[in-house]
Amino acid sequence: MDERPNFYTILELDPAITDWPSIESCILEKKRIWSHQKLMGTPGQKRKAELNLSFLRSEEHTSELQS
């Protein structure tokens, strides 16, 4: 079984940052970058972007269920 990636690692975010507006801003920026890479990137960028976007979708779904 694959280990879940670290949220801060895939966002390239300092773990010391804990305020939600900063995290949310980073998420939105990474989504924009990964969406572009998924369509226009190299094959490696496309794979990584799809994995990261999939991870974010699953995290969003999980947080919705917990609310």
Protein backbone atom coordinates (compact mmCIF):
# COMPACT_ATOMS: atom_id res chain seq x y z
CA MET A 1 0.00 0.00 0.00
CA ASP A 2 1.31 3.44 -0.95
CA GLU A 3 1.96 5.90 1.81
CA ARG A 4 -0.06 9.12 1.74
CA PRO A 5 2.04 12.12 0.67
CA ASN A 6 2.71 14.91 3.11
CA PHE A 7 0.35 17.81 2.40
CA TYR A 8 3.01 20.43 3.12
CA THR A 9 5.55 18.64 0.94
CA ILE A 10 3.41 18.53 -2.19
CA LEU A 11 2.44 22.17 -1.68
CA GLU A 12 6.12 23.08 -1.08
CA LEU A 13 4.89 24.90 2.01
CA ASP A 14 6.78 25.52 5.23
CA PRO A 15 5.20 23.40 8.01
CA ALA A 16 5.53 26.39 10.34
CA ILE A 17 2.76 28.10 8.34
CA THR A 18 -0.51 27.28 10.05
CA ASP A 19 -2.85 30.12 9.12
CA TRP A 20 -5.60 28.97 6.77
CA PRO A 21 -5.59 31.98 4.39
CA SER A 22 -1.91 31.37 3.55
CA ILE A 23 -2.48 27.63 3.07
CA GLU A 24 -5.59 28.21 0.96
CA SER A 25 -3.72 30.72 -1.22
CA CYS A 26 -0.96 28.19 -1.78
CA ILE A 27 -3.49 25.46 -2.65
CA LEU A 28 -5.16 27.68 -5.24
CA GLU A 29 -1.82 28.64 -6.79
CA LYS A 30 -0.64 25.01 -6.95
CA LYS A 31 -3.97 23.94 -8.49
CA ARG A 32 -3.50 26.56 -11.20
CA ILE A 33 0.08 25.43 -11.88
CA TRP A 34 -0.77 21.72 -11.84
CA SER A 35 -3.80 22.18 -14.09
CA HIS A 36 -1.58 23.91 -16.64
CA GLN A 37 1.11 21.23 -16.34
CA LYS A 38 -1.49 18.49 -16.71
CA LEU A 39 -2.47 19.92 -20.08
CA MET A 40 0.77 21.42 -21.37
CA GLY A 41 3.63 19.87 -19.38
CA THR A 42 6.17 17.22 -20.21
CA PRO A 43 5.03 13.61 -19.68
CA GLY A 44 6.66 13.60 -16.22
CA GLN A 45 5.03 16.90 -15.25
CA LYS A 46 1.66 15.62 -16.46
CA ARG A 47 1.90 12.49 -14.30
CA LYS A 48 3.01 14.41 -11.21
CA ALA A 49 0.36 17.10 -11.72
CA GLU A 50 -2.39 14.47 -12.05
CA LEU A 51 -1.23 12.72 -8.87
CA ASN A 52 -1.11 15.98 -6.91
CA LEU A 53 -4.52 17.14 -8.16
CA SER A 54 -5.97 13.73 -7.32
CA PHE A 55 -4.50 13.93 -3.82
CA LEU A 56 -5.99 17.39 -3.27
CA ARG A 57 -9.41 16.20 -4.48
CA SER A 58 -9.31 13.28 -2.05
CA GLU A 59 -8.27 15.60 0.81
CA GLU A 60 -11.08 18.01 -0.04
CA HIS A 61 -13.56 15.13 -0.11
CA THR A 62 -12.29 13.83 3.23
CA SER A 63 -12.55 17.26 4.87
CA GLU A 64 -16.12 17.64 3.55
CA LEU A 65 -17.09 14.33 5.10
CA GLN A 66 -15.63 15.39 8.44
CA SER A 67 -17.53 18.69 8.47
